[in-house]
Amino acid sequence: MSVDMTLWGLAFLWGAVLGLFYFGGLWFTLKMMHQRERPKLWLAFSYMVRLAGALAGFWLVVQKDVMAFIFTLVAFFAIRIILTHTLKQKSDGKDHATQSR
């Protein structure tokens, strides 16, 4: 039983790492888009890299244990919620849709 708990704890940490990679990468991409000559290409390339990394990370976990995969997903989306809340507070109420170029 302790082996399962260790695996699930590591899976949760792995999900947090994947979430930081995916959603942190999305934040970075959107922040840097206005500085690029070809922002659509930048966004597409970022999406491909982030998606490939996240899927590869999930694939490693799902091969081990289904319950570990669930813990990974929970952490992945928990990071999304935490980053959304944290970054929204830092923007001082400014929404990217309302900012002028």
Protein backbone atom coordinates (compact mmCIF):
# COMPACT_ATOMS: atom_id res chain seq x y z
CA MET A 1 0.00 0.00 0.00
CA SER A 2 2.84 2.44 0.75
CA VAL A 3 4.22 1.81 -2.74
CA ASP A 4 0.90 2.96 -4.19
CA MET A 5 0.89 6.09 -2.03
CA THR A 6 4.44 6.93 -3.09
CA LEU A 7 3.57 6.40 -6.75
CA TRP A 8 0.45 8.56 -6.42
CA GLY A 9 2.42 11.31 -4.66
CA LEU A 10 5.04 11.28 -7.39
CA ALA A 11 2.30 11.28 -10.01
CA PHE A 12 0.75 14.32 -8.38
CA LEU A 13 4.10 16.13 -8.42
CA TRP A 14 4.61 15.09 -12.04
CA GLY A 15 1.18 16.51 -12.90
CA ALA A 16 2.17 19.80 -11.27
CA VAL A 17 5.36 19.88 -13.36
CA LEU A 18 3.39 19.15 -16.52
CA GLY A 19 0.86 21.84 -15.61
CA LEU A 20 3.60 24.40 -15.04
CA PHE A 21 5.17 23.46 -18.36
CA TYR A 22 1.91 23.62 -20.31
CA PHE A 23 0.13 26.57 -18.72
CA GLY A 24 3.30 28.48 -17.88
CA GLY A 25 4.35 28.02 -21.50
CA LEU A 26 0.96 29.32 -22.64
CA TRP A 27 1.32 32.40 -20.43
CA PHE A 28 4.84 33.02 -21.76
CA THR A 29 3.68 32.58 -25.36
CA LEU A 30 0.84 35.05 -25.01
CA LYS A 31 3.07 37.52 -23.19
CA MET A 32 5.72 37.41 -25.93
CA MET A 33 3.37 37.26 -28.94
CA HIS A 34 3.27 40.99 -29.56
CA GLN A 35 7.08 41.07 -29.86
CA ARG A 36 7.22 38.49 -32.65
CA GLU A 37 7.15 39.15 -36.38
CA ARG A 38 4.89 36.16 -36.99
CA PRO A 39 2.69 35.78 -33.91
CA LYS A 40 0.47 33.08 -35.43
CA LEU A 41 3.48 30.90 -36.18
CA TRP A 42 4.81 31.52 -32.66
CA LEU A 43 1.46 30.48 -31.16
CA ALA A 44 1.20 27.37 -33.35
CA PHE A 45 4.75 26.25 -32.58
CA SER A 46 4.24 26.83 -28.86
CA TYR A 47 1.02 24.81 -28.93
CA MET A 48 2.71 21.89 -30.68
CA VAL A 49 5.63 21.82 -28.22
CA ARG A 50 3.40 22.17 -25.15
CA LEU A 51 0.94 19.55 -26.37
CA ALA A 52 3.66 17.05 -27.29
CA GLY A 53 5.35 17.52 -23.92
CA ALA A 54 2.13 17.15 -21.94
CA LEU A 55 0.96 14.10 -23.88
CA ALA A 56 4.35 12.42 -23.52
CA GLY A 57 4.29 13.12 -19.78
CA PHE A 58 0.79 11.72 -19.40
CA TRP A 59 1.71 8.67 -21.48
CA LEU A 60 4.56 7.83 -19.09
CA VAL A 61 2.15 7.86 -16.15
CA VAL A 62 -0.77 6.02 -17.74
CA GLN A 63 1.51 3.07 -18.52
CA LYS A 64 2.21 2.62 -14.80
CA ASP A 65 -1.17 2.96 -13.12
CA VAL A 66 -4.60 4.38 -13.93
CA MET A 67 -5.01 5.85 -10.45
CA ALA A 68 -1.63 7.58 -10.80
CA PHE A 69 -2.90 9.05 -14.07
CA ILE A 70 -5.91 10.48 -12.24
CA PHE A 71 -3.63 12.09 -9.63
CA THR A 72 -1.54 13.53 -12.47
CA LEU A 73 -4.63 15.02 -14.11
CA VAL A 74 -5.85 16.51 -10.84
CA ALA A 75 -2.50 18.23 -10.26
CA PHE A 76 -2.34 19.37 -13.89
CA PHE A 77 -5.67 21.16 -13.64
CA ALA A 78 -4.99 22.38 -10.09
CA ILE A 79 -1.96 24.21 -11.46
CA ARG A 80 -4.19 25.73 -14.13
CA ILE A 81 -6.54 27.09 -11.48
CA ILE A 82 -3.68 28.35 -9.30
CA LEU A 83 -1.89 30.07 -12.18
CA THR A 84 -5.11 31.62 -13.48
CA HIS A 85 -5.90 33.01 -10.05
CA THR A 86 -2.33 34.19 -9.37
CA LEU A 87 -1.74 35.79 -12.75
CA LYS A 88 -5.13 37.47 -12.74
CA GLN A 89 -4.28 39.19 -9.45
CA LYS A 90 -0.94 40.38 -10.83
CA SER A 91 -2.59 41.99 -13.85
CA ASP A 92 -4.41 44.49 -11.57
CA GLY A 93 -7.73 43.87 -13.27
CA LYS A 94 -6.37 44.42 -16.77
CA ASP A 95 -7.74 41.91 -19.23
CA HIS A 96 -5.77 41.10 -22.37
CA ALA A 97 -8.93 41.71 -24.40
CA THR A 98 -9.27 45.27 -23.10
CA GLN A 99 -5.64 46.33 -23.47
CA SER A 100 -4.86 48.49 -26.46
CA ARG A 101 -1.97 47.65 -28.74
